[in-house]
């Protein structure tokens, strides 16, 4: 029986990878990746040559069956995501649940590392003894309800992710529901243009324009 390794990869800076993660990526028989182009850049940087299969939220039953059969044949497999830790606001959780159910004897081994969630919280200047993490807001259906119900959450800070395509709309929704309350916005974490910004949602709408609107966002409500 093979092992399934859950391997955290850098969220921006390619140096933010552990020695253990590199060792595992070099040793496995197959790497599963949400976006093969992204992981291939990482592998090329560290001169790792391994087969890479696409695994994302649209993976079909046949893909799950192939992965199961490989593990049954003692192949070792690494699961990575585009950036950070698999299964955190990521479809990797579906594969892990599948393997736990179909192959309970298979070892699922986490290889810890970078996460945009903990990276943002560590430098935000908030007490993160407790926090509420909500992943990504709904794209369409339920979006208004999502932002309206944020006010009812008592465990703070509240943390969620947002894409550059919807972040301006998100700032407007936060302004409608939280007025002039401070929010914290982290963008391009570990990259050249890294920014951890404090201010109101209205000010954020004005600030994050043009080049500052690029990259994935972590939004924190203290």
Protein backbone atom coordinates (compact mmCIF):
# COMPACT_ATOMS: atom_id res chain seq x y z
CA UNK A 1 0.00 0.00 0.00
CA UNK A 2 1.33 3.40 -0.98
CA UNK A 3 1.23 6.61 1.04
CA UNK A 4 -0.63 9.82 0.23
CA UNK A 5 1.41 12.86 1.27
CA UNK A 6 -0.36 16.20 1.77
CA UNK A 7 2.45 18.62 0.89
CA UNK A 8 2.33 22.35 1.64
CA UNK A 9 4.06 24.48 -0.99
CA UNK A 10 5.09 28.17 -1.05
CA UNK A 11 2.41 30.84 -1.33
CA UNK A 12 4.74 33.11 -3.30
CA UNK A 13 8.40 33.00 -2.41
CA UNK A 14 9.81 29.71 -3.71
CA UNK A 15 12.27 29.56 -0.80
CA UNK A 16 9.38 29.04 1.63
CA UNK A 17 9.40 25.27 1.30
CA UNK A 18 10.63 22.82 3.87
CA UNK A 19 13.49 20.40 3.37
CA UNK A 20 11.09 17.60 4.17
CA UNK A 21 8.63 18.75 1.47
CA UNK A 22 11.43 18.76 -1.12
CA UNK A 23 12.52 15.31 0.00
CA UNK A 24 8.98 13.96 -0.40
CA UNK A 25 8.45 15.58 -3.82
CA UNK A 26 11.70 14.01 -5.02
CA UNK A 27 10.76 10.57 -3.73
CA UNK A 28 7.11 10.08 -4.72
CA UNK A 29 5.93 8.32 -7.88
CA UNK A 30 3.29 10.92 -8.76
CA UNK A 31 2.31 14.49 -7.87
CA UNK A 32 -1.32 15.63 -7.95
CA UNK A 33 -1.78 19.36 -8.51
CA UNK A 34 -4.68 21.76 -8.84
CA UNK A 35 -2.82 23.59 -11.62
CA UNK A 36 0.01 21.63 -13.22
CA UNK A 37 1.61 24.80 -14.62
CA UNK A 38 2.06 26.27 -11.15
CA UNK A 39 3.62 23.20 -9.58
CA UNK A 40 5.85 22.63 -12.61
CA UNK A 41 7.48 26.02 -11.98
CA UNK A 42 8.27 24.94 -8.43
CA UNK A 43 9.56 21.56 -9.55
CA UNK A 44 11.73 23.12 -12.27
CA UNK A 45 13.21 25.56 -9.75
CA UNK A 46 14.35 22.66 -7.56
CA UNK A 47 15.21 20.40 -10.52
CA UNK A 48 12.61 17.80 -9.59
CA UNK A 49 11.33 15.65 -12.43
CA UNK A 50 8.20 13.73 -11.59
CA UNK A 51 4.93 13.00 -13.41
CA UNK A 52 2.24 15.52 -12.52
CA UNK A 53 -1.49 14.88 -12.88
CA UNK A 54 -4.16 17.51 -12.63
CA UNK A 55 -6.47 17.11 -9.65
CA UNK A 56 -9.07 19.81 -8.96
CA UNK A 57 -12.66 20.24 -7.86
CA UNK A 58 -13.85 18.94 -11.24
CA UNK A 59 -12.02 15.61 -11.00
CA UNK A 60 -14.20 12.76 -12.26
CA UNK A 61 -14.81 9.35 -10.74
CA UNK A 62 -12.28 7.82 -13.14
CA UNK A 63 -9.54 10.03 -11.67
CA UNK A 64 -10.35 8.89 -8.14
CA UNK A 65 -10.31 5.27 -9.29
CA UNK A 66 -6.86 5.70 -10.89
CA UNK A 67 -5.46 7.27 -7.73
CA UNK A 68 -6.92 4.47 -5.61
CA UNK A 69 -5.41 1.79 -7.87
CA UNK A 70 -1.98 3.44 -7.77
CA UNK A 71 -2.02 3.44 -3.99
CA UNK A 72 -3.10 -0.20 -4.01
CA UNK A 73 -0.04 -0.95 -6.18
CA UNK A 74 2.21 0.69 -3.55
CA UNK A 75 2.78 3.92 -5.46
CA UNK A 76 3.49 6.92 -3.25
CA UNK A 77 1.56 10.08 -4.19
CA UNK A 78 1.96 13.74 -3.20
CA UNK A 79 -1.01 16.11 -3.22
CA UNK A 80 -0.21 19.81 -3.59
CA UNK A 81 -2.31 22.89 -4.20
CA UNK A 82 -1.58 26.04 -6.24
CA UNK A 83 -0.10 27.69 -3.16
CA UNK A 84 -0.04 26.88 0.52
CA UNK A 85 -1.53 23.93 2.35
CA UNK A 86 -3.84 21.49 0.51
CA UNK A 87 -7.41 21.05 1.77
CA UNK A 88 -7.55 24.57 3.31
CA UNK A 89 -10.20 26.30 1.16
CA UNK A 90 -9.12 23.78 -1.47
CA UNK A 91 -10.65 20.70 -3.15
CA UNK A 92 -7.93 18.44 -1.73
CA UNK A 93 -10.26 17.61 1.17
CA UNK A 94 -12.47 15.61 -1.24
CA UNK A 95 -9.61 13.32 -2.19
CA UNK A 96 -8.55 12.83 1.42
CA UNK A 97 -12.11 11.90 2.40
CA UNK A 98 -12.30 9.48 -0.53
CA UNK A 99 -9.07 7.71 0.41
CA UNK A 100 -10.06 7.52 4.08
CA UNK A 101 -13.30 5.82 3.06
CA UNK A 102 -12.05 3.58 0.24
CA UNK A 103 -8.59 2.71 1.59
CA UNK A 104 -8.71 3.07 5.38
CA UNK A 105 -5.40 1.20 5.66
CA UNK A 106 -3.57 3.78 3.50
CA UNK A 107 -1.41 6.29 5.35
CA UNK A 108 -2.26 9.96 4.80
CA UNK A 109 0.78 11.93 5.88
CA UNK A 110 0.74 15.76 6.26
CA UNK A 111 3.89 17.68 5.34
CA UNK A 112 3.32 21.09 6.96
CA UNK A 113 4.38 24.43 5.57
CA UNK A 114 3.12 27.74 4.24
CA UNK A 115 -0.48 28.94 4.51
CA UNK A 116 -1.84 32.35 3.56
CA UNK A 117 -4.22 32.12 6.53
CA UNK A 118 -1.57 31.86 9.24
CA UNK A 119 0.89 34.09 7.39
CA UNK A 120 -1.61 36.96 7.31
CA UNK A 121 -2.68 36.49 10.93
CA UNK A 122 0.91 36.38 12.16
CA UNK A 123 1.63 39.91 10.93
CA UNK A 124 -1.82 41.51 11.25
CA UNK A 125 -1.41 42.70 14.83
CA UNK A 126 -4.53 40.96 16.11
CA UNK A 127 -5.07 38.44 18.89
CA UNK A 128 -5.44 35.13 17.08
CA UNK A 129 -5.85 32.85 20.11
CA UNK A 130 -9.25 32.20 18.55
CA UNK A 131 -10.49 33.12 15.10
CA UNK A 132 -13.14 32.23 12.52
CA UNK A 133 -11.98 31.17 9.09
CA UNK A 134 -14.54 31.18 6.27
CA UNK A 135 -12.58 30.31 3.13
CA UNK A 136 -13.90 32.12 0.04
CA UNK A 137 -17.26 33.93 0.02
CA UNK A 138 -19.87 32.48 -2.36
CA UNK A 139 -19.41 33.71 -5.91
CA UNK A 140 -23.08 34.45 -6.56
CA UNK A 141 -25.85 32.65 -4.69
CA UNK A 142 -25.74 33.37 -0.97
CA UNK A 143 -23.17 36.14 -1.26
CA UNK A 144 -25.33 38.88 0.30
CA UNK A 145 -26.31 36.56 3.14
CA UNK A 146 -22.64 35.69 3.73
CA UNK A 147 -21.68 39.33 4.35
CA UNK A 148 -24.81 40.15 6.32
CA UNK A 149 -24.23 37.24 8.71
CA UNK A 150 -20.60 38.20 9.37
CA UNK A 151 -21.87 40.67 11.96
CA UNK A 152 -23.38 37.82 13.98
CA UNK A 153 -20.09 35.94 14.37
CA UNK A 154 -18.74 36.39 17.89
CA UNK A 155 -15.39 34.62 17.56
CA UNK A 156 -13.01 37.23 16.19
CA UNK A 157 -10.99 37.92 14.20
CA UNK A 158 -12.89 36.74 11.13
CA UNK A 159 -10.65 35.73 8.24
CA UNK A 160 -11.54 34.91 4.65
CA UNK A 161 -9.95 34.81 1.21
CA UNK A 162 -10.97 36.75 -1.87
CA UNK A 163 -9.90 36.79 -5.51
CA UNK A 164 -8.82 39.98 -7.32
CA UNK A 165 -11.88 39.70 -9.59
CA UNK A 166 -14.36 40.09 -6.73
CA UNK A 167 -12.42 42.04 -4.13
CA UNK A 168 -13.86 45.46 -5.02
CA UNK A 169 -17.39 44.09 -4.69
CA UNK A 170 -16.36 42.58 -1.34
CA UNK A 171 -15.14 45.93 -0.03
CA UNK A 172 -18.51 47.47 -0.92
CA UNK A 173 -20.33 44.69 0.93
CA UNK A 174 -18.12 45.16 3.98
CA UNK A 175 -18.76 48.89 3.97
CA UNK A 176 -22.52 48.27 3.82
CA UNK A 177 -22.38 45.93 6.81
CA UNK A 178 -19.53 47.29 8.95
CA UNK A 179 -19.45 50.99 8.08
CA UNK A 180 -16.22 52.67 9.23
CA UNK A 181 -14.91 49.70 11.22
CA UNK A 182 -11.29 48.78 10.53
CA UNK A 183 -10.40 45.82 8.37
CA UNK A 184 -7.00 44.37 7.51
CA UNK A 185 -6.12 43.37 3.97
CA UNK A 186 -3.12 41.21 3.12
CA UNK A 187 -2.08 40.88 -0.51
CA UNK A 188 0.77 39.23 -2.43
CA UNK A 189 2.09 37.64 0.75
CA UNK A 190 5.79 36.65 0.62
CA UNK A 191 6.17 38.27 -2.81
CA UNK A 192 7.95 41.46 -3.89
CA UNK A 193 4.80 43.60 -3.63
CA UNK A 194 3.61 42.14 -0.33
CA UNK A 195 1.24 44.44 1.53
CA UNK A 196 -0.55 44.25 4.87
CA UNK A 197 -2.91 47.20 4.98
CA UNK A 198 -5.19 48.59 7.74
CA UNK A 199 -8.16 50.88 7.17
CA UNK A 200 -11.89 51.06 6.45
CA UNK A 201 -13.58 49.11 3.69
CA UNK A 202 -14.31 52.38 1.89
CA UNK A 203 -10.65 53.37 2.01
CA UNK A 204 -9.71 49.88 0.82
CA UNK A 205 -11.86 50.32 -2.28
CA UNK A 206 -9.91 53.44 -3.16
CA UNK A 207 -6.52 52.00 -2.24
CA UNK A 208 -6.67 48.65 -4.02
CA UNK A 209 -6.89 49.81 -7.62
CA UNK A 210 -4.74 49.15 -10.68
CA UNK A 211 -1.65 47.10 -9.87
CA UNK A 212 -2.69 46.93 -6.21
CA UNK A 213 -5.75 44.94 -7.23
CA UNK A 214 -3.67 41.99 -8.42
CA UNK A 215 -2.95 38.84 -6.44
CA UNK A 216 -4.94 36.82 -3.95
CA UNK A 217 -6.30 38.64 -0.89
CA UNK A 218 -6.69 37.69 2.76
CA UNK A 219 -9.22 39.89 4.55
CA UNK A 220 -9.36 40.10 8.33
CA UNK A 221 -12.13 41.67 10.41
CA UNK A 222 -10.70 42.27 13.92
